[in-house]
Amino acid sequence: MRKGVEEKRKELIYKLMIYHVNKSEEQLSKLSLTELAIEYKKIQTDCHPHSDAGSIHWINTKCKVE
């Protein structure tokens, strides 16, 4: 099980480095798996096209069925 946790940590560190997180690989390696997952979730939310900032918002629309 320890090997699986370490592999997941390495994967998240790699993904965070791709997104140019403002932390070095050394700083990221000091974070726990939970902390890395939280950082990655923040990045996903900020960068995802359907997140709050990039989503399409329909205002004052009415659906007419004829």
C-alpha atoms as a PDB file:
ATOM      1  CA  MET A   1       0.000   0.000   0.000  1.00  0.00           C
ATOM      2  CA  ARG A   2       2.884   2.356   0.753  1.00  0.00           C
ATOM      3  CA  LYS A   3       4.117   1.924  -2.824  1.00  0.00           C
ATOM      4  CA  GLY A   4       0.715   2.976  -4.203  1.00  0.00           C
ATOM      5  CA  VAL A   5       0.657   6.123  -2.049  1.00  0.00           C
ATOM      6  CA  GLU A   6       4.153   7.074  -3.169  1.00  0.00           C
ATOM      7  CA  GLU A   7       3.239   6.535  -6.827  1.00  0.00           C
ATOM      8  CA  LYS A   8       0.154   8.753  -6.436  1.00  0.00           C
ATOM      9  CA  ARG A   9       2.284  11.471  -4.770  1.00  0.00           C
ATOM     10  CA  LYS A  10       4.780  11.363  -7.667  1.00  0.00           C
ATOM     11  CA  GLU A  11       1.942  11.565 -10.184  1.00  0.00           C
ATOM     12  CA  LEU A  12       0.394  14.613  -8.482  1.00  0.00           C
ATOM     13  CA  ILE A  13       3.785  16.340  -8.175  1.00  0.00           C
ATOM     14  CA  TYR A  14       4.377  15.750 -11.894  1.00  0.00           C
ATOM     15  CA  LYS A  15       0.941  17.145 -12.800  1.00  0.00           C
ATOM     16  CA  LEU A  16       1.427  20.191 -10.566  1.00  0.00           C
ATOM     17  CA  MET A  17       4.819  20.879 -12.149  1.00  0.00           C
ATOM     18  CA  ILE A  18       3.156  20.814 -15.595  1.00  0.00           C
ATOM     19  CA  TYR A  19       0.746  23.527 -14.430  1.00  0.00           C
ATOM     20  CA  HIS A  20       3.712  25.644 -13.253  1.00  0.00           C
ATOM     21  CA  VAL A  21       2.619  25.786  -9.639  1.00  0.00           C
ATOM     22  CA  ASN A  22       4.518  28.465  -7.734  1.00  0.00           C
ATOM     23  CA  LYS A  23       6.356  25.828  -5.748  1.00  0.00           C
ATOM     24  CA  SER A  24       9.502  23.922  -6.567  1.00  0.00           C
ATOM     25  CA  GLU A  25       9.585  20.162  -6.885  1.00  0.00           C
ATOM     26  CA  GLU A  26      11.402  20.085  -3.538  1.00  0.00           C
ATOM     27  CA  GLN A  27       8.604  22.058  -1.842  1.00  0.00           C
ATOM     28  CA  LEU A  28       5.948  19.837  -3.402  1.00  0.00           C
ATOM     29  CA  SER A  29       7.742  16.673  -2.296  1.00  0.00           C
ATOM     30  CA  LYS A  30       7.420  17.830   1.329  1.00  0.00           C
ATOM     31  CA  LEU A  31       3.618  17.945   1.084  1.00  0.00           C
ATOM     32  CA  SER A  32       1.426  15.025   2.101  1.00  0.00           C
ATOM     33  CA  LEU A  33      -0.729  13.173  -0.405  1.00  0.00           C
ATOM     34  CA  THR A  34      -3.803  14.994   0.906  1.00  0.00           C
ATOM     35  CA  GLU A  35      -2.141  18.408   0.541  1.00  0.00           C
ATOM     36  CA  LEU A  36      -1.022  17.564  -2.996  1.00  0.00           C
ATOM     37  CA  ALA A  37      -4.533  16.438  -3.897  1.00  0.00           C
ATOM     38  CA  ILE A  38      -5.958  19.729  -2.584  1.00  0.00           C
ATOM     39  CA  GLU A  39      -3.433  21.751  -4.611  1.00  0.00           C
ATOM     40  CA  TYR A  40      -4.252  19.746  -7.743  1.00  0.00           C
ATOM     41  CA  LYS A  41      -7.991  20.197  -7.185  1.00  0.00           C
ATOM     42  CA  LYS A  42      -7.484  23.980  -6.945  1.00  0.00           C
ATOM     43  CA  ILE A  43      -5.567  23.974 -10.236  1.00  0.00           C
ATOM     44  CA  GLN A  44      -8.229  21.877 -11.944  1.00  0.00           C
ATOM     45  CA  THR A  45     -10.972  24.213 -10.772  1.00  0.00           C
ATOM     46  CA  ASP A  46      -9.071  27.292 -11.941  1.00  0.00           C
ATOM     47  CA  CYS A  47      -8.101  25.863 -15.328  1.00  0.00           C
ATOM     48  CA  HIS A  48     -11.149  23.808 -16.255  1.00  0.00           C
ATOM     49  CA  PRO A  49     -13.157  25.414 -19.092  1.00  0.00           C
ATOM     50  CA  HIS A  50     -16.454  24.746 -17.328  1.00  0.00           C
ATOM     51  CA  SER A  51     -15.363  26.161 -14.003  1.00  0.00           C
ATOM     52  CA  ASP A  52     -16.868  29.348 -12.646  1.00  0.00           C
ATOM     53  CA  ALA A  53     -14.563  31.741 -14.513  1.00  0.00           C
ATOM     54  CA  GLY A  54     -14.763  30.087 -17.912  1.00  0.00           C
ATOM     55  CA  SER A  55     -18.300  28.802 -17.980  1.00  0.00           C
ATOM     56  CA  ILE A  56     -21.193  30.069 -20.044  1.00  0.00           C
ATOM     57  CA  HIS A  57     -23.932  31.677 -17.993  1.00  0.00           C
ATOM     58  CA  TRP A  58     -27.417  32.040 -19.435  1.00  0.00           C
ATOM     59  CA  ILE A  59     -29.142  35.163 -18.162  1.00  0.00           C
ATOM     60  CA  ASN A  60     -32.859  35.918 -18.547  1.00  0.00           C
ATOM     61  CA  THR A  61     -33.547  33.061 -20.935  1.00  0.00           C
ATOM     62  CA  LYS A  62     -36.907  31.424 -21.351  1.00  0.00           C
ATOM     63  CA  CYS A  63     -37.539  28.204 -23.104  1.00  0.00           C
ATOM     64  CA  LYS A  64     -40.567  28.364 -25.397  1.00  0.00           C
ATOM     65  CA  VAL A  65     -42.138  25.105 -26.415  1.00  0.00           C
ATOM     66  CA  GLU A  66     -44.530  25.349 -29.322  1.00  0.00           C
END
